[in-house]
Amino acid sequence: MTATLRSDAKRNLDRLLAAASECFAEHGVDASVDEIARRAGVGHGTVFRRFPTKEALLVAVMVERVRDLTRAAEEALEDPEPGPAFERFLRRAAEVYAQNRAIVEGFERCVETEEVGALKVAVGRLVRRAQHAGAVRRDVTAEDVMDLVPAVSRHPDVVLDGLRATR
């Protein structure tokens, strides 16, 4: 049974997650809980009442980024042009990585979550759809694509050229 938060507790949680997201994006996984609490306008104790460890807070933030990526993959699946949709998704995912110093290490810490599972399914569908359209090499897997996202943030055209099917 899920407990409903009081409106003030919900506001505090929303501010806390927003501040944690900013701090982790700027400073990586080493962002301090004190800085997160300060930015959220809550006490240090409030952070630990909601999240027993900094790791739990990091995972909560990363799960939200994973959900964002899953939504982007699902939107790409709605696009009638599989090749361009795949490329737009990959570039969007790379932007998320480029803007967030914690996402690579943070992602590794939540790979067992149901949200990462949903992302893998959506990316797999996107890859297969692009492969079926002849836009992506047949030997590429969803895991390959997810592993390549950080490289796309640095060298998008090189990685995308390597993923394209040869005709």
Protein backbone atom coordinates (compact mmCIF):
# COMPACT_ATOMS: atom_id res chain seq x y z
CA MET A 1 0.00 0.00 0.00
CA THR A 2 1.45 3.37 -1.03
CA ALA A 3 1.19 6.14 1.52
CA THR A 4 0.03 9.53 0.29
CA LEU A 5 2.34 12.36 1.27
CA ARG A 6 1.04 15.51 2.91
CA SER A 7 1.24 18.48 0.55
CA ASP A 8 4.19 20.03 2.46
CA ALA A 9 6.04 16.71 2.49
CA LYS A 10 5.41 16.32 -1.25
CA ARG A 11 6.79 19.83 -1.90
CA ASN A 12 9.87 19.04 0.19
CA LEU A 13 10.39 15.77 -1.69
CA ASP A 14 10.01 17.50 -5.07
CA ARG A 15 12.48 20.25 -4.06
CA LEU A 16 14.87 17.66 -2.67
CA LEU A 17 14.83 15.57 -5.85
CA ALA A 18 15.24 18.67 -8.04
CA ALA A 19 18.17 19.90 -5.94
CA ALA A 20 19.76 16.43 -5.91
CA SER A 21 19.38 16.19 -9.66
CA GLU A 22 21.13 19.55 -10.12
CA CYS A 23 23.92 18.73 -7.67
CA PHE A 24 24.61 15.28 -9.09
CA ALA A 25 24.56 16.70 -12.64
CA GLU A 26 27.07 19.41 -11.68
CA HIS A 27 29.35 17.52 -9.29
CA GLY A 28 28.84 13.86 -10.12
CA VAL A 29 28.16 11.18 -7.54
CA ASP A 30 30.41 12.98 -5.05
CA ALA A 31 27.91 15.83 -4.62
CA SER A 32 27.41 16.45 -0.91
CA VAL A 33 24.16 15.82 0.93
CA ASP A 34 24.69 19.12 2.75
CA GLU A 35 24.73 21.02 -0.56
CA ILE A 36 21.66 19.13 -1.77
CA ALA A 37 19.77 19.94 1.45
CA ARG A 38 20.84 23.59 1.30
CA ARG A 39 19.64 23.97 -2.30
CA ALA A 40 16.37 22.22 -1.49
CA GLY A 41 15.82 24.47 1.51
CA VAL A 42 15.47 21.52 3.87
CA GLY A 43 17.47 20.24 6.79
CA HIS A 44 20.07 17.50 6.54
CA GLY A 45 17.79 15.27 8.63
CA THR A 46 14.93 15.70 6.16
CA VAL A 47 17.09 14.19 3.43
CA PHE A 48 17.86 11.11 5.52
CA ARG A 49 14.27 10.69 6.74
CA ARG A 50 13.20 10.28 3.12
CA PHE A 51 16.34 8.54 1.80
CA PRO A 52 18.27 6.35 4.24
CA THR A 53 21.53 6.83 2.32
CA LYS A 54 22.99 9.15 -0.26
CA GLU A 55 23.10 6.11 -2.54
CA ALA A 56 19.29 5.75 -2.25
CA LEU A 57 18.90 9.42 -3.19
CA LEU A 58 21.23 8.99 -6.16
CA VAL A 59 19.28 5.96 -7.38
CA ALA A 60 15.98 7.89 -7.06
CA VAL A 61 17.41 10.69 -9.21
CA MET A 62 18.89 8.29 -11.77
CA VAL A 63 15.62 6.39 -12.05
CA GLU A 64 13.94 9.66 -13.06
CA ARG A 65 16.56 10.21 -15.79
CA VAL A 66 16.00 6.63 -16.98
CA ARG A 67 12.26 7.31 -17.15
CA ASP A 68 12.99 10.43 -19.25
CA LEU A 69 15.07 8.34 -21.65
CA THR A 70 12.37 5.69 -21.85
CA ARG A 71 9.80 8.34 -22.74
CA ALA A 72 12.15 9.64 -25.44
CA ALA A 73 12.55 6.11 -26.87
CA GLU A 74 8.80 5.56 -26.82
CA GLU A 75 8.23 8.88 -28.60
CA ALA A 76 10.78 7.85 -31.23
CA LEU A 77 8.84 4.63 -31.74
CA GLU A 78 5.83 6.74 -32.73
CA ASP A 79 7.78 8.49 -35.49
CA PRO A 80 6.95 7.06 -38.95
CA GLU A 81 10.62 7.31 -40.07
CA PRO A 82 12.61 4.64 -38.15
CA GLY A 83 16.12 5.77 -39.15
CA PRO A 84 15.79 9.46 -38.28
CA ALA A 85 13.80 8.56 -35.15
CA PHE A 86 16.61 6.26 -33.98
CA GLU A 87 19.20 8.98 -34.59
CA ARG A 88 17.14 11.63 -32.77
CA PHE A 89 16.74 9.32 -29.79
CA LEU A 90 20.45 8.59 -29.67
CA ARG A 91 21.31 12.29 -29.85
CA ARG A 92 18.75 13.06 -27.11
CA ALA A 93 20.18 10.34 -24.89
CA ALA A 94 23.67 11.74 -25.51
CA GLU A 95 22.48 15.20 -24.44
CA VAL A 96 21.22 13.75 -21.17
CA TYR A 97 24.62 12.14 -20.58
CA ALA A 98 26.52 15.29 -21.54
CA GLN A 99 24.47 17.42 -19.13
CA ASN A 100 24.81 15.10 -16.15
CA ARG A 101 28.18 14.18 -14.68
CA ALA A 102 26.65 11.47 -12.50
CA ILE A 103 24.66 9.57 -15.06
CA VAL A 104 27.30 7.08 -16.18
CA GLU A 105 28.24 5.98 -12.67
CA GLY A 106 24.71 6.52 -11.38
CA PHE A 107 23.22 4.44 -14.18
CA GLU A 108 25.43 1.52 -13.18
CA ARG A 109 23.94 1.69 -9.71
CA CYS A 110 20.36 1.23 -10.87
CA VAL A 111 20.75 -1.36 -13.65
CA GLU A 112 18.65 -3.86 -11.70
CA THR A 113 15.62 -1.56 -11.48
CA GLU A 114 12.42 -2.14 -13.37
CA GLU A 115 12.88 1.30 -14.98
CA VAL A 116 16.16 0.26 -16.62
CA GLY A 117 14.44 -2.91 -17.79
CA ALA A 118 11.72 -0.80 -19.43
CA LEU A 119 14.37 1.38 -21.08
CA LYS A 120 16.15 -1.69 -22.48
CA VAL A 121 12.88 -2.97 -23.93
CA ALA A 122 12.08 0.39 -25.57
CA VAL A 123 15.61 0.78 -26.97
CA GLY A 124 15.49 -2.81 -28.23
CA ARG A 125 12.26 -2.10 -30.10
CA LEU A 126 13.76 1.09 -31.52
CA VAL A 127 16.90 -0.73 -32.69
CA ARG A 128 14.95 -3.60 -34.29
CA ARG A 129 12.62 -1.15 -36.03
CA ALA A 130 15.58 0.81 -37.45
CA GLN A 131 17.27 -2.44 -38.49
CA HIS A 132 14.14 -3.63 -40.25
CA ALA A 133 14.06 -0.33 -42.15
CA GLY A 134 17.69 -0.83 -43.19
CA ALA A 135 18.93 2.15 -41.19
CA VAL A 136 20.97 0.34 -38.51
CA ARG A 137 23.44 -2.54 -38.82
CA ARG A 138 21.97 -5.98 -38.11
CA ASP A 139 24.69 -6.91 -35.59
CA VAL A 140 23.86 -4.03 -33.20
CA THR A 141 21.94 -4.79 -30.01
CA ALA A 142 20.07 -2.55 -27.59
CA GLU A 143 22.89 -3.11 -25.08
CA ASP A 144 25.42 -1.92 -27.66
CA VAL A 145 23.42 1.24 -28.23
CA MET A 146 23.11 1.93 -24.51
CA ASP A 147 26.84 1.35 -24.05
CA LEU A 148 27.61 3.77 -26.89
CA VAL A 149 25.49 6.66 -25.64
CA PRO A 150 28.33 8.30 -23.65
CA ALA A 151 30.53 8.18 -26.78
CA VAL A 152 27.73 9.74 -28.83
CA SER A 153 27.82 12.73 -26.48
CA ARG A 154 31.46 13.29 -27.50
CA HIS A 155 31.54 12.04 -31.11
CA PRO A 156 27.95 11.81 -32.39
CA ASP A 157 28.60 11.60 -36.11
CA VAL A 158 31.39 9.04 -35.78
CA VAL A 159 29.27 6.71 -33.62
CA LEU A 160 26.16 7.17 -35.75
CA ASP A 161 28.17 6.44 -38.92
CA GLY A 162 29.41 3.24 -37.30
CA LEU A 163 25.87 2.13 -36.47
CA ARG A 164 24.44 2.75 -39.93
CA ALA A 165 23.74 -0.22 -42.13
CA THR A 166 25.80 -0.43 -45.28
CA ARG A 167 23.86 -0.91 -48.44
